[in-house]
Amino acid sequence: MGEFTQTATVTQQETVVQPYIRYDPEYLRTIPGIVKIVCIVLSLIGFICIEFSYFSYRPQGSFFNTVAMLGFWFSGIMLVFYLFHACEKFHKIPWLKIELYFCVAWTLLYMIASSVAAATSIGAFQAAAFFGYCAMVGYGVDSFLKFQAVRAGEIAQGSRTVHVQQQQTVSTLTA
């Protein structure tokens, strides 16, 4: 008399990682690796511009240097983690989300710090602001790459495959 359809969806995930520390310079040739190196270099150059200025003690310079050095050290540490596959060894930690949040925050902080530095009439601060704006773009690109990876369900290193199967069953009830 009646007919009903039942659908079952089965999702299987397979994560493949090599859980040992090893040096792999191939990461430096990938787009995320190049972007990370660019951000590190730009942060360091901006820091040097402020630090070698006679006016480095001013609050604008201190704020810019704080943003630059935190970005330098975080990105540098993450670069080392990727080079030695620490992210792959500890693949349960959501590295991509951590980096996504950091990169978004540093994009905004670099915009603020560079604008504050550019508003001064000190040439070294304005030079640092230029490198800060460039770093802002770098962190913005890195944010976009991390967002795409998070949305796709990727892990930082290693591979994850997802298999989705759907089954439909049509049943007829008779009285």
N, C-alpha and C. Protein backbone atom coordinates (compact mmCIF):
# COMPACT_ATOMS: atom_id res chain seq x y z
N MET A 1 0.81 -1.19 0.00
CA MET A 1 0.00 0.00 0.00
C MET A 1 0.86 1.25 0.00
N GLY A 2 1.84 1.27 0.87
CA GLY A 2 2.69 2.45 0.94
C GLY A 2 4.11 2.13 0.51
N GLU A 3 4.76 3.15 0.11
CA GLU A 3 6.14 2.99 -0.33
C GLU A 3 6.99 4.06 0.36
N PHE A 4 8.13 3.67 0.82
CA PHE A 4 9.02 4.66 1.41
C PHE A 4 10.45 4.41 0.94
N THR A 5 11.23 5.47 0.97
CA THR A 5 12.61 5.40 0.54
C THR A 5 13.50 5.72 1.73
N GLN A 6 14.52 4.92 1.92
CA GLN A 6 15.46 5.13 3.00
C GLN A 6 16.84 5.33 2.37
N THR A 7 17.51 6.43 2.77
CA THR A 7 18.84 6.74 2.25
C THR A 7 19.84 6.73 3.40
N ALA A 8 20.93 6.03 3.19
CA ALA A 8 22.00 5.99 4.18
C ALA A 8 23.28 6.51 3.52
N THR A 9 23.96 7.39 4.21
CA THR A 9 25.22 7.94 3.72
C THR A 9 26.34 7.49 4.65
N VAL A 10 27.37 6.90 4.07
CA VAL A 10 28.52 6.43 4.84
C VAL A 10 29.73 7.24 4.40
N THR A 11 30.38 7.89 5.35
CA THR A 11 31.57 8.68 5.06
C THR A 11 32.76 8.02 5.74
N GLN A 12 33.80 7.77 4.96
CA GLN A 12 35.01 7.18 5.49
C GLN A 12 36.17 8.13 5.25
N GLN A 13 36.98 8.34 6.26
CA GLN A 13 38.17 9.18 6.11
C GLN A 13 39.40 8.32 6.32
N GLU A 14 40.40 8.56 5.48
CA GLU A 14 41.67 7.87 5.64
C GLU A 14 42.77 8.92 5.67
N THR A 15 43.49 8.97 6.79
CA THR A 15 44.58 9.91 6.94
C THR A 15 45.89 9.14 6.87
N VAL A 16 46.76 9.57 5.95
CA VAL A 16 48.05 8.90 5.78
C VAL A 16 49.15 9.89 6.15
N VAL A 17 49.92 9.56 7.19
CA VAL A 17 51.03 10.40 7.63
C VAL A 17 52.23 9.51 7.91
N GLN A 18 53.40 10.12 7.87
CA GLN A 18 54.63 9.44 8.28
C GLN A 18 55.06 10.08 9.59
N PRO A 19 54.83 9.41 10.72
CA PRO A 19 55.00 10.05 12.03
C PRO A 19 56.43 10.08 12.55
N TYR A 20 57.36 10.52 11.75
CA TYR A 20 58.72 10.68 12.26
C TYR A 20 59.30 11.99 11.74
N ILE A 21 60.19 12.55 12.54
CA ILE A 21 60.80 13.84 12.22
C ILE A 21 61.88 13.62 11.17
N ARG A 22 61.84 14.42 10.11
CA ARG A 22 62.85 14.35 9.06
C ARG A 22 62.94 15.70 8.38
N TYR A 23 64.08 16.01 7.84
CA TYR A 23 64.28 17.28 7.13
C TYR A 23 63.86 17.10 5.68
N ASP A 24 63.00 18.00 5.21
CA ASP A 24 62.52 17.93 3.84
C ASP A 24 62.46 19.34 3.26
N PRO A 25 63.46 19.73 2.46
CA PRO A 25 63.50 21.10 1.93
C PRO A 25 62.48 21.35 0.81
N GLU A 26 61.71 20.37 0.41
CA GLU A 26 60.73 20.54 -0.67
C GLU A 26 59.64 21.55 -0.30
N TYR A 27 59.37 21.71 1.01
CA TYR A 27 58.35 22.67 1.42
C TYR A 27 58.70 24.09 0.98
N LEU A 28 59.99 24.39 0.89
CA LEU A 28 60.42 25.73 0.48
C LEU A 28 60.07 26.04 -0.97
N ARG A 29 59.76 25.02 -1.75
CA ARG A 29 59.42 25.21 -3.16
C ARG A 29 57.91 25.27 -3.40
N THR A 30 57.12 25.07 -2.36
CA THR A 30 55.67 25.14 -2.51
C THR A 30 55.21 26.59 -2.35
N ILE A 31 54.02 26.88 -2.81
CA ILE A 31 53.49 28.25 -2.69
C ILE A 31 53.35 28.66 -1.22
N PRO A 32 52.77 27.82 -0.33
CA PRO A 32 52.72 28.24 1.08
C PRO A 32 54.11 28.45 1.68
N GLY A 33 55.08 27.65 1.29
CA GLY A 33 56.44 27.83 1.80
C GLY A 33 57.06 29.13 1.34
N ILE A 34 56.87 29.47 0.07
CA ILE A 34 57.39 30.73 -0.46
C ILE A 34 56.72 31.92 0.23
N VAL A 35 55.40 31.85 0.41
CA VAL A 35 54.68 32.94 1.07
C VAL A 35 55.17 33.10 2.50
N LYS A 36 55.42 32.00 3.19
CA LYS A 36 55.89 32.07 4.57
C LYS A 36 57.28 32.72 4.64
N ILE A 37 58.16 32.36 3.71
CA ILE A 37 59.50 32.96 3.67
C ILE A 37 59.40 34.46 3.39
N VAL A 38 58.54 34.84 2.46
CA VAL A 38 58.35 36.26 2.13
C VAL A 38 57.87 37.02 3.37
N CYS A 39 56.93 36.46 4.11
CA CYS A 39 56.42 37.12 5.32
C CYS A 39 57.52 37.27 6.36
N ILE A 40 58.34 36.25 6.51
CA ILE A 40 59.44 36.31 7.48
C ILE A 40 60.42 37.41 7.10
N VAL A 41 60.82 37.45 5.84
CA VAL A 41 61.80 38.44 5.38
C VAL A 41 61.23 39.86 5.50
N LEU A 42 59.98 40.06 5.09
CA LEU A 42 59.38 41.39 5.18
C LEU A 42 59.24 41.85 6.62
N SER A 43 58.90 40.93 7.51
CA SER A 43 58.80 41.29 8.94
C SER A 43 60.16 41.72 9.48
N LEU A 44 61.19 40.99 9.11
CA LEU A 44 62.53 41.32 9.58
C LEU A 44 63.02 42.66 9.02
N ILE A 45 62.77 42.91 7.74
CA ILE A 45 63.20 44.18 7.14
C ILE A 45 62.46 45.36 7.78
N GLY A 46 61.16 45.21 8.01
CA GLY A 46 60.40 46.27 8.68
C GLY A 46 60.91 46.53 10.08
N PHE A 47 61.22 45.47 10.80
CA PHE A 47 61.78 45.61 12.14
C PHE A 47 63.11 46.35 12.10
N ILE A 48 63.97 45.99 11.16
CA ILE A 48 65.29 46.63 11.05
C ILE A 48 65.14 48.11 10.72
N CYS A 49 64.20 48.45 9.84
CA CYS A 49 63.98 49.87 9.50
C CYS A 49 63.64 50.69 10.73
N ILE A 50 62.77 50.18 11.57
CA ILE A 50 62.39 50.91 12.78
C ILE A 50 63.55 50.93 13.78
N GLU A 51 64.18 49.79 13.96
CA GLU A 51 65.19 49.64 15.01
C GLU A 51 66.43 50.49 14.75
N PHE A 52 66.80 50.68 13.50
CA PHE A 52 67.98 51.49 13.20
C PHE A 52 67.66 52.98 13.08
N SER A 53 66.45 53.33 13.36
CA SER A 53 66.06 54.73 13.37
C SER A 53 66.41 55.34 14.72
N TYR A 54 66.70 56.62 14.71
CA TYR A 54 66.97 57.34 15.94
C TYR A 54 65.71 57.40 16.81
N PHE A 55 64.53 57.28 16.18
CA PHE A 55 63.26 57.44 16.89
C PHE A 55 62.60 56.10 17.20
N SER A 56 63.37 55.04 17.31
CA SER A 56 62.78 53.71 17.52
C SER A 56 62.06 53.57 18.85
N TYR A 57 62.33 54.45 19.79
CA TYR A 57 61.70 54.39 21.11
C TYR A 57 60.26 54.89 21.09
N ARG A 58 59.84 55.58 20.03
CA ARG A 58 58.48 56.13 19.98
C ARG A 58 57.44 55.01 19.98
N PRO A 59 56.25 55.27 20.51
CA PRO A 59 55.22 54.23 20.61
C PRO A 59 54.84 53.62 19.25
N GLN A 60 54.83 54.43 18.20
CA GLN A 60 54.50 53.90 16.87
C GLN A 60 55.51 52.83 16.45
N GLY A 61 56.79 53.11 16.73
CA GLY A 61 57.83 52.15 16.40
C GLY A 61 57.76 50.90 17.26
N SER A 62 57.47 51.09 18.53
CA SER A 62 57.36 49.94 19.44
C SER A 62 56.21 49.03 19.03
N PHE A 63 55.09 49.64 18.67
CA PHE A 63 53.94 48.83 18.24
C PHE A 63 54.26 48.08 16.95
N PHE A 64 54.85 48.77 15.98
CA PHE A 64 55.21 48.12 14.73
C PHE A 64 56.20 46.98 14.98
N ASN A 65 57.20 47.22 15.82
CA ASN A 65 58.19 46.18 16.10
C ASN A 65 57.60 44.99 16.83
N THR A 66 56.62 45.22 17.69
CA THR A 66 55.95 44.11 18.37
C THR A 66 55.22 43.24 17.36
N VAL A 67 54.48 43.87 16.46
CA VAL A 67 53.76 43.12 15.42
C VAL A 67 54.75 42.39 14.52
N ALA A 68 55.81 43.08 14.12
CA ALA A 68 56.79 42.48 13.20
C ALA A 68 57.50 41.29 13.85
N MET A 69 57.91 41.42 15.09
CA MET A 69 58.67 40.34 15.72
C MET A 69 57.78 39.15 16.07
N LEU A 70 56.56 39.39 16.50
CA LEU A 70 55.66 38.26 16.75
C LEU A 70 55.36 37.52 15.45
N GLY A 71 55.16 38.26 14.37
CA GLY A 71 54.96 37.62 13.07
C GLY A 71 56.19 36.87 12.61
N PHE A 72 57.36 37.47 12.80
CA PHE A 72 58.62 36.84 12.42
C PHE A 72 58.81 35.52 13.15
N TRP A 73 58.64 35.53 14.47
CA TRP A 73 58.90 34.33 15.25
C TRP A 73 57.85 33.25 15.02
N PHE A 74 56.58 33.62 14.96
CA PHE A 74 55.54 32.61 14.72
C PHE A 74 55.74 31.97 13.35
N SER A 75 55.93 32.79 12.33
CA SER A 75 56.11 32.25 10.98
C SER A 75 57.40 31.45 10.88
N GLY A 76 58.44 31.90 11.54
CA GLY A 76 59.70 31.17 11.53
C GLY A 76 59.59 29.81 12.20
N ILE A 77 58.92 29.77 13.32
CA ILE A 77 58.73 28.50 14.01
C ILE A 77 57.86 27.55 13.17
N MET A 78 56.82 28.08 12.56
CA MET A 78 55.98 27.23 11.71
C MET A 78 56.75 26.74 10.49
N LEU A 79 57.63 27.57 9.94
CA LEU A 79 58.46 27.14 8.82
C LEU A 79 59.35 25.97 9.24
N VAL A 80 59.94 26.04 10.41
CA VAL A 80 60.78 24.94 10.91
C VAL A 80 59.92 23.69 11.13
N PHE A 81 58.72 23.86 11.67
CA PHE A 81 57.82 22.72 11.85
C PHE A 81 57.51 22.03 10.53
N TYR A 82 57.27 22.83 9.49
CA TYR A 82 56.98 22.24 8.18
C TYR A 82 58.22 21.60 7.57
N LEU A 83 59.37 22.23 7.73
CA LEU A 83 60.60 21.67 7.16
C LEU A 83 60.97 20.33 7.79
N PHE A 84 60.70 20.17 9.08
CA PHE A 84 61.05 18.94 9.77
C PHE A 84 59.84 18.03 9.99
N HIS A 85 58.72 18.34 9.37
CA HIS A 85 57.50 17.53 9.40
C HIS A 85 56.95 17.32 10.81
N ALA A 86 57.14 18.31 11.68
CA ALA A 86 56.55 18.25 13.01
C ALA A 86 55.02 18.34 12.92
N CYS A 87 54.53 19.09 11.94
CA CYS A 87 53.07 19.19 11.76
C CYS A 87 52.48 17.84 11.36
N GLU A 88 53.26 17.07 10.62
CA GLU A 88 52.79 15.74 10.21
C GLU A 88 52.84 14.76 11.39
N LYS A 89 53.86 14.87 12.20
CA LYS A 89 53.98 13.99 13.37
C LYS A 89 52.82 14.22 14.33
N PHE A 90 52.47 15.48 14.53
CA PHE A 90 51.37 15.84 15.43
C PHE A 90 50.15 16.27 14.62
N HIS A 91 49.70 15.40 13.72
CA HIS A 91 48.63 15.76 12.79
C HIS A 91 47.26 15.93 13.44
N LYS A 92 47.12 15.52 14.68
CA LYS A 92 45.84 15.71 15.39
C LYS A 92 45.62 17.17 15.78
N ILE A 93 46.69 17.94 15.87
CA ILE A 93 46.57 19.37 16.19
C ILE A 93 46.09 20.09 14.93
N PRO A 94 45.08 20.94 15.04
CA PRO A 94 44.55 21.63 13.84
C PRO A 94 45.47 22.77 13.38
N TRP A 95 46.62 22.42 12.83
CA TRP A 95 47.63 23.40 12.43
C TRP A 95 47.08 24.42 11.45
N LEU A 96 46.29 23.97 10.49
CA LEU A 96 45.79 24.91 9.47
C LEU A 96 44.86 25.95 10.09
N LYS A 97 44.02 25.53 11.02
CA LYS A 97 43.13 26.50 11.66
C LYS A 97 43.91 27.49 12.52
N ILE A 98 44.91 26.98 13.23
CA ILE A 98 45.76 27.86 14.05
C ILE A 98 46.43 28.90 13.16
N GLU A 99 47.00 28.44 12.05
CA GLU A 99 47.67 29.37 11.12
C GLU A 99 46.67 30.31 10.46
N LEU A 100 45.48 29.82 10.15
CA LEU A 100 44.46 30.67 9.54
C LEU A 100 44.11 31.82 10.48
N TYR A 101 43.83 31.52 11.74
CA TYR A 101 43.48 32.57 12.69
C TYR A 101 44.63 33.55 12.88
N PHE A 102 45.85 33.01 12.98
CA PHE A 102 47.01 33.88 13.14
C PHE A 102 47.18 34.79 11.93
N CYS A 103 47.10 34.23 10.74
CA CYS A 103 47.33 35.03 9.52
C CYS A 103 46.27 36.10 9.34
N VAL A 104 45.03 35.80 9.66
CA VAL A 104 43.97 36.82 9.58
C VAL A 104 44.26 37.93 10.58
N ALA A 105 44.61 37.55 11.81
CA ALA A 105 44.91 38.55 12.84
C ALA A 105 46.11 39.40 12.42
N TRP A 106 47.14 38.77 11.87
CA TRP A 106 48.33 39.53 11.50
C TRP A 106 48.12 40.38 10.26
N THR A 107 47.22 39.99 9.41
CA THR A 107 46.86 40.86 8.29
C THR A 107 46.28 42.17 8.82
N LEU A 108 45.38 42.05 9.77
CA LEU A 108 44.76 43.24 10.36
C LEU A 108 45.76 44.05 11.19
N LEU A 109 46.57 43.36 11.99
CA LEU A 109 47.55 44.07 12.82
C LEU A 109 48.60 44.78 11.99
N TYR A 110 49.03 44.16 10.89
CA TYR A 110 49.99 44.83 10.01
C TYR A 110 49.37 46.04 9.33
N MET A 111 48.08 45.95 9.00
CA MET A 111 47.42 47.11 8.41
C MET A 111 47.42 48.28 9.40
N ILE A 112 47.10 47.99 10.65
CA ILE A 112 47.07 49.04 11.68
C ILE A 112 48.47 49.57 11.96
N ALA A 113 49.44 48.66 12.19
CA ALA A 113 50.80 49.07 12.53
C ALA A 113 51.45 49.86 11.40
N SER A 114 51.23 49.42 10.16
CA SER A 114 51.82 50.12 9.02
C SER A 114 51.17 51.48 8.82
N SER A 115 49.88 51.58 9.05
CA SER A 115 49.20 52.87 8.91
C SER A 115 49.69 53.85 9.98
N VAL A 116 49.88 53.35 11.20
CA VAL A 116 50.38 54.20 12.28
C VAL A 116 51.81 54.66 11.96
N ALA A 117 52.63 53.75 11.45
CA ALA A 117 54.02 54.10 11.11
C ALA A 117 54.07 55.06 9.92
N ALA A 118 53.19 54.86 8.95
CA ALA A 118 53.18 55.72 7.77
C ALA A 118 52.70 57.13 8.10
N ALA A 119 51.93 57.28 9.16
CA ALA A 119 51.38 58.59 9.52
C ALA A 119 52.43 59.50 10.14
N THR A 120 53.59 58.97 10.48
CA THR A 120 54.65 59.81 11.04
C THR A 120 55.44 60.46 9.91
N SER A 121 56.23 61.45 10.25
CA SER A 121 57.05 62.13 9.24
C SER A 121 58.48 61.59 9.23
N ILE A 122 58.69 60.46 9.87
CA ILE A 122 60.03 59.87 9.96
C ILE A 122 60.23 58.92 8.78
N GLY A 123 61.28 59.12 8.03
CA GLY A 123 61.53 58.34 6.82
C GLY A 123 61.68 56.85 7.10
N ALA A 124 62.37 56.49 8.18
CA ALA A 124 62.56 55.07 8.51
C ALA A 124 61.23 54.40 8.84
N PHE A 125 60.34 55.14 9.50
CA PHE A 125 59.03 54.58 9.82
C PHE A 125 58.21 54.39 8.54
N GLN A 126 58.33 55.31 7.61
CA GLN A 126 57.60 55.19 6.36
C GLN A 126 58.13 54.03 5.52
N ALA A 127 59.44 53.81 5.57
CA ALA A 127 60.02 52.66 4.88
C ALA A 127 59.51 51.36 5.52
N ALA A 128 59.49 51.34 6.85
CA ALA A 128 58.97 50.17 7.56
C ALA A 128 57.50 49.94 7.23
N ALA A 129 56.75 51.04 7.08
CA ALA A 129 55.33 50.92 6.73
C ALA A 129 55.17 50.26 5.36
N PHE A 130 56.05 50.60 4.41
CA PHE A 130 55.99 49.96 3.09
C PHE A 130 56.18 48.45 3.22
N PHE A 131 57.20 48.04 3.98
CA PHE A 131 57.42 46.61 4.17
C PHE A 131 56.31 45.97 4.99
N GLY A 132 55.73 46.73 5.89
CA GLY A 132 54.59 46.23 6.66
C GLY A 132 53.37 46.00 5.79
N TYR A 133 53.10 46.93 4.85
CA TYR A 133 51.99 46.73 3.94
C TYR A 133 52.23 45.52 3.04
N CYS A 134 53.48 45.34 2.62
CA CYS A 134 53.81 44.15 1.81
C CYS A 134 53.61 42.88 2.63
N ALA A 135 54.02 42.91 3.91
CA ALA A 135 53.80 41.75 4.78
C ALA A 135 52.31 41.52 5.00
N MET A 136 51.53 42.60 5.08
CA MET A 136 50.09 42.48 5.22
C MET A 136 49.51 41.71 4.04
N VAL A 137 49.96 42.03 2.84
CA VAL A 137 49.49 41.31 1.65
C VAL A 137 49.93 39.85 1.72
N GLY A 138 51.17 39.60 2.15
CA GLY A 138 51.65 38.23 2.28
C GLY A 138 50.82 37.42 3.26
N TYR A 139 50.54 38.00 4.42
CA TYR A 139 49.71 37.29 5.40
C TYR A 139 48.28 37.13 4.89
N GLY A 140 47.79 38.08 4.10
CA GLY A 140 46.47 37.94 3.51
C GLY A 140 46.41 36.79 2.52
N VAL A 141 47.44 36.66 1.70
CA VAL A 141 47.51 35.53 0.75
C VAL A 141 47.59 34.22 1.52
N ASP A 142 48.41 34.19 2.57
CA ASP A 142 48.52 32.98 3.38
C ASP A 142 47.19 32.65 4.05
N SER A 143 46.46 33.67 4.48
CA SER A 143 45.13 33.45 5.07
C SER A 143 44.20 32.80 4.05
N PHE A 144 44.23 33.30 2.83
CA PHE A 144 43.38 32.75 1.78
C PHE A 144 43.74 31.28 1.50
N LEU A 145 45.02 30.99 1.41
CA LEU A 145 45.46 29.61 1.15
C LEU A 145 45.04 28.68 2.29
N LYS A 146 45.19 29.16 3.53
CA LYS A 146 44.80 28.35 4.69
C LYS A 146 43.28 28.16 4.74
N PHE A 147 42.53 29.19 4.37
CA PHE A 147 41.08 29.08 4.35
C PHE A 147 40.63 28.03 3.35
N GLN A 148 41.23 28.04 2.16
CA GLN A 148 40.88 27.03 1.15
C GLN A 148 41.21 25.63 1.64
N ALA A 149 42.36 25.47 2.29
CA ALA A 149 42.76 24.16 2.79
C ALA A 149 41.83 23.68 3.91
N VAL A 150 41.45 24.58 4.80
CA VAL A 150 40.55 24.20 5.89
C VAL A 150 39.19 23.82 5.34
N ARG A 151 38.70 24.59 4.38
CA ARG A 151 37.40 24.31 3.79
C ARG A 151 37.39 22.96 3.06
N ALA A 152 38.52 22.61 2.45
CA ALA A 152 38.62 21.34 1.73
C ALA A 152 38.83 20.15 2.67
N GLY A 153 39.03 20.42 3.97
CA GLY A 153 39.21 19.34 4.93
C GLY A 153 40.62 18.76 4.93
N GLU A 154 41.59 19.51 4.43
CA GLU A 154 42.96 19.02 4.37
C GLU A 154 43.60 19.07 5.75
N ILE A 155 44.73 18.38 5.87
CA ILE A 155 45.56 18.50 7.05
C ILE A 155 46.83 19.22 6.63
N ALA A 156 47.60 19.71 7.60
CA ALA A 156 48.76 20.54 7.28
C ALA A 156 49.79 19.79 6.45
N GLN A 157 50.11 18.58 6.82
CA GLN A 157 51.04 17.74 6.06
C GLN A 157 50.51 16.32 6.07
N GLY A 158 50.89 15.56 5.07
CA GLY A 158 50.34 14.23 4.91
C GLY A 158 49.16 14.31 3.96
N SER A 159 48.34 13.29 3.95
CA SER A 159 47.19 13.33 3.05
C SER A 159 45.96 12.76 3.76
N ARG A 160 44.83 13.25 3.36
CA ARG A 160 43.56 12.78 3.89
C ARG A 160 42.63 12.57 2.71
N THR A 161 42.08 11.38 2.62
CA THR A 161 41.11 11.09 1.57
C THR A 161 39.77 10.79 2.23
N VAL A 162 38.72 11.26 1.58
CA VAL A 162 37.38 11.07 2.10
C VAL A 162 36.57 10.32 1.05
N HIS A 163 35.96 9.20 1.47
CA HIS A 163 35.11 8.42 0.59
C HIS A 163 33.68 8.54 1.08
N VAL A 164 32.78 8.95 0.20
CA VAL A 164 31.38 9.08 0.56
C VAL A 164 30.58 8.12 -0.29
N GLN A 165 29.79 7.27 0.38
CA GLN A 165 28.93 6.32 -0.33
C GLN A 165 27.50 6.58 0.09
N GLN A 166 26.61 6.53 -0.89
CA GLN A 166 25.18 6.66 -0.59
C GLN A 166 24.46 5.42 -1.04
N GLN A 167 23.56 4.95 -0.22
CA GLN A 167 22.73 3.80 -0.56
C GLN A 167 21.29 4.20 -0.44
N GLN A 168 20.50 3.81 -1.41
CA GLN A 168 19.08 4.08 -1.34
C GLN A 168 18.34 2.75 -1.35
N THR A 169 17.38 2.65 -0.48
CA THR A 169 16.57 1.45 -0.40
C THR A 169 15.12 1.86 -0.56
N VAL A 170 14.44 1.24 -1.49
CA VAL A 170 13.03 1.51 -1.70
C VAL A 170 12.26 0.28 -1.21
N SER A 171 11.35 0.50 -0.30
CA SER A 171 10.57 -0.61 0.26
C SER A 171 9.09 -0.35 0.02
N THR A 172 8.38 -1.42 -0.22
CA THR A 172 6.94 -1.34 -0.43
C THR A 172 6.25 -2.12 0.65
N LEU A 173 5.29 -1.50 1.29
CA LEU A 173 4.51 -2.17 2.33
C LEU A 173 3.18 -2.61 1.74
N THR A 174 2.84 -3.81 1.99
CA THR A 174 1.53 -4.31 1.53
C THR A 174 0.76 -4.80 2.74
N ALA A 175 -0.54 -4.66 2.68
CA ALA A 175 -1.37 -5.06 3.81
C ALA A 175 -2.12 -6.31 3.52
